[in-house]
Amino acid sequence: MGQADWGTYWVWDAADQLLLLLFIYFGYMALWNAIEDETRAARAAAILALVGAVNIPIIHFSVQW
């Protein structure tokens, strides 16, 4: 299927990265609502937000890579 066009079966492009960022965002909202203690929820959600923020430059530069 993709082998004939790209020389590989899967090409990791910006759309895949955006989908991953969407899942991280949904996980962020779910994590925030899953923890009862507001302080612990804020800390855990902040860590997940940092993981999502690291993905943003990867999305930007994946077009150039």
N, C-alpha and C. Protein backbone atom coordinates (compact mmCIF):
# COMPACT_ATOMS: atom_id res chain seq x y z
N MET A 1 0.83 -1.17 0.00
CA MET A 1 0.00 0.00 0.00
C MET A 1 0.88 1.24 0.00
N GLY A 2 1.48 1.60 1.10
CA GLY A 2 2.36 2.76 1.13
C GLY A 2 3.75 2.44 0.64
N GLN A 3 4.07 1.17 0.54
CA GLN A 3 5.41 0.75 0.13
C GLN A 3 5.76 1.27 -1.26
N ALA A 4 4.83 1.22 -2.18
CA ALA A 4 5.12 1.65 -3.55
C ALA A 4 5.32 3.16 -3.65
N ASP A 5 4.63 3.92 -2.84
CA ASP A 5 4.71 5.38 -2.92
C ASP A 5 5.92 5.95 -2.18
N TRP A 6 6.14 5.49 -0.94
CA TRP A 6 7.16 6.12 -0.10
C TRP A 6 8.38 5.25 0.16
N GLY A 7 8.34 4.00 -0.25
CA GLY A 7 9.46 3.11 0.01
C GLY A 7 9.40 2.49 1.40
N THR A 8 8.35 2.78 2.15
CA THR A 8 8.16 2.20 3.48
C THR A 8 6.66 2.08 3.72
N TYR A 9 6.28 1.28 4.67
CA TYR A 9 4.86 1.08 4.92
C TYR A 9 4.25 2.21 5.74
N TRP A 10 5.06 2.96 6.47
CA TRP A 10 4.52 4.01 7.32
C TRP A 10 5.43 5.22 7.26
N VAL A 11 4.85 6.38 7.05
CA VAL A 11 5.60 7.63 7.06
C VAL A 11 5.05 8.46 8.20
N TRP A 12 5.93 8.86 9.12
CA TRP A 12 5.54 9.63 10.30
C TRP A 12 5.58 11.10 9.92
N ASP A 13 4.43 11.71 9.71
CA ASP A 13 4.40 13.09 9.28
C ASP A 13 3.72 13.97 10.33
N ALA A 14 3.50 15.22 10.00
CA ALA A 14 2.96 16.19 10.95
C ALA A 14 1.55 15.84 11.38
N ALA A 15 0.76 15.24 10.53
CA ALA A 15 -0.61 14.88 10.90
C ALA A 15 -0.61 13.84 12.02
N ASP A 16 0.35 12.92 11.97
CA ASP A 16 0.46 11.92 13.04
C ASP A 16 0.85 12.59 14.36
N GLN A 17 1.73 13.56 14.28
CA GLN A 17 2.14 14.28 15.48
C GLN A 17 0.98 15.08 16.06
N LEU A 18 0.17 15.67 15.22
CA LEU A 18 -0.98 16.43 15.71
C LEU A 18 -2.00 15.50 16.37
N LEU A 19 -2.17 14.31 15.84
CA LEU A 19 -3.05 13.34 16.46
C LEU A 19 -2.52 12.95 17.84
N LEU A 20 -1.22 12.76 17.93
CA LEU A 20 -0.60 12.45 19.22
C LEU A 20 -0.81 13.60 20.20
N LEU A 21 -0.68 14.83 19.74
CA LEU A 21 -0.90 16.00 20.60
C LEU A 21 -2.36 16.07 21.05
N LEU A 22 -3.28 15.71 20.19
CA LEU A 22 -4.69 15.68 20.56
C LEU A 22 -4.93 14.65 21.67
N PHE A 23 -4.32 13.48 21.55
CA PHE A 23 -4.46 12.46 22.59
C PHE A 23 -3.85 12.92 23.91
N ILE A 24 -2.74 13.63 23.84
CA ILE A 24 -2.13 14.17 25.05
C ILE A 24 -3.07 15.19 25.69
N TYR A 25 -3.73 16.01 24.88
CA TYR A 25 -4.67 16.99 25.40
C TYR A 25 -5.86 16.31 26.07
N PHE A 26 -6.41 15.28 25.44
CA PHE A 26 -7.52 14.55 26.05
C PHE A 26 -7.07 13.87 27.34
N GLY A 27 -5.85 13.34 27.34
CA GLY A 27 -5.31 12.75 28.56
C GLY A 27 -5.12 13.77 29.66
N TYR A 28 -4.73 14.97 29.28
CA TYR A 28 -4.58 16.07 30.24
C TYR A 28 -5.91 16.37 30.92
N MET A 29 -6.97 16.50 30.13
CA MET A 29 -8.29 16.79 30.71
C MET A 29 -8.77 15.63 31.57
N ALA A 30 -8.55 14.41 31.13
CA ALA A 30 -8.98 13.25 31.90
C ALA A 30 -8.20 13.13 33.20
N LEU A 31 -6.90 13.39 33.15
CA LEU A 31 -6.07 13.31 34.35
C LEU A 31 -6.48 14.37 35.35
N TRP A 32 -6.74 15.58 34.89
CA TRP A 32 -7.14 16.67 35.78
C TRP A 32 -8.44 16.32 36.52
N ASN A 33 -9.38 15.70 35.81
CA ASN A 33 -10.67 15.37 36.41
C ASN A 33 -10.65 14.08 37.21
N ALA A 34 -9.65 13.23 37.01
CA ALA A 34 -9.62 11.94 37.68
C ALA A 34 -9.09 12.03 39.11
N ILE A 35 -8.28 13.02 39.40
CA ILE A 35 -7.66 13.13 40.73
C ILE A 35 -8.48 14.09 41.58
N GLU A 36 -8.85 13.63 42.76
CA GLU A 36 -9.71 14.43 43.65
C GLU A 36 -8.98 15.62 44.26
N ASP A 37 -7.77 15.40 44.75
CA ASP A 37 -7.01 16.47 45.39
C ASP A 37 -6.53 17.46 44.33
N GLU A 38 -6.93 18.73 44.48
CA GLU A 38 -6.62 19.73 43.44
C GLU A 38 -5.13 19.97 43.28
N THR A 39 -4.39 19.93 44.37
CA THR A 39 -2.94 20.16 44.29
C THR A 39 -2.25 19.03 43.53
N ARG A 40 -2.60 17.80 43.85
CA ARG A 40 -2.01 16.66 43.13
C ARG A 40 -2.45 16.65 41.68
N ALA A 41 -3.71 17.00 41.42
CA ALA A 41 -4.21 17.03 40.05
C ALA A 41 -3.48 18.08 39.23
N ALA A 42 -3.25 19.24 39.83
CA ALA A 42 -2.55 20.31 39.12
C ALA A 42 -1.11 19.91 38.81
N ARG A 43 -0.45 19.27 39.77
CA ARG A 43 0.95 18.85 39.55
C ARG A 43 1.05 17.78 38.46
N ALA A 44 0.17 16.80 38.52
CA ALA A 44 0.20 15.73 37.51
C ALA A 44 -0.15 16.26 36.13
N ALA A 45 -1.14 17.15 36.06
CA ALA A 45 -1.52 17.72 34.78
C ALA A 45 -0.42 18.62 34.22
N ALA A 46 0.29 19.31 35.10
CA ALA A 46 1.39 20.17 34.64
C ALA A 46 2.51 19.33 34.03
N ILE A 47 2.80 18.20 34.61
CA ILE A 47 3.84 17.32 34.06
C ILE A 47 3.42 16.82 32.68
N LEU A 48 2.16 16.42 32.56
CA LEU A 48 1.67 15.97 31.26
C LEU A 48 1.66 17.10 30.24
N ALA A 49 1.37 18.33 30.68
CA ALA A 49 1.40 19.48 29.78
C ALA A 49 2.82 19.74 29.29
N LEU A 50 3.82 19.54 30.14
CA LEU A 50 5.20 19.70 29.69
C LEU A 50 5.58 18.67 28.64
N VAL A 51 5.09 17.45 28.81
CA VAL A 51 5.33 16.41 27.81
C VAL A 51 4.70 16.83 26.48
N GLY A 52 3.49 17.37 26.54
CA GLY A 52 2.84 17.84 25.32
C GLY A 52 3.55 19.03 24.70
N ALA A 53 4.11 19.90 25.54
CA ALA A 53 4.81 21.08 25.03
C ALA A 53 6.10 20.69 24.31
N VAL A 54 6.73 19.62 24.75
CA VAL A 54 7.94 19.14 24.07
C VAL A 54 7.60 18.68 22.66
N ASN A 55 6.41 18.21 22.46
CA ASN A 55 5.99 17.71 21.15
C ASN A 55 5.76 18.82 20.13
N ILE A 56 5.51 20.04 20.56
CA ILE A 56 5.21 21.13 19.64
C ILE A 56 6.37 21.45 18.70
N PRO A 57 7.62 21.61 19.19
CA PRO A 57 8.72 21.83 18.23
C PRO A 57 8.96 20.64 17.30
N ILE A 58 8.67 19.44 17.79
CA ILE A 58 8.82 18.27 16.94
C ILE A 58 7.83 18.33 15.79
N ILE A 59 6.61 18.78 16.07
CA ILE A 59 5.62 18.94 15.00
C ILE A 59 6.10 19.98 14.00
N HIS A 60 6.62 21.08 14.51
CA HIS A 60 7.07 22.15 13.61
C HIS A 60 8.21 21.69 12.71
N PHE A 61 9.21 21.04 13.30
CA PHE A 61 10.39 20.66 12.52
C PHE A 61 10.19 19.38 11.73
N SER A 62 9.13 18.62 12.01
CA SER A 62 8.92 17.40 11.24
C SER A 62 8.61 17.69 9.79
N VAL A 63 8.09 18.87 9.52
CA VAL A 63 7.85 19.26 8.12
C VAL A 63 9.17 19.45 7.40
N GLN A 64 10.15 20.02 8.09
CA GLN A 64 11.45 20.27 7.45
C GLN A 64 12.34 19.03 7.44
N TRP A 65 12.16 18.14 8.40
CA TRP A 65 12.99 16.93 8.47
C TRP A 65 12.60 16.00 7.35
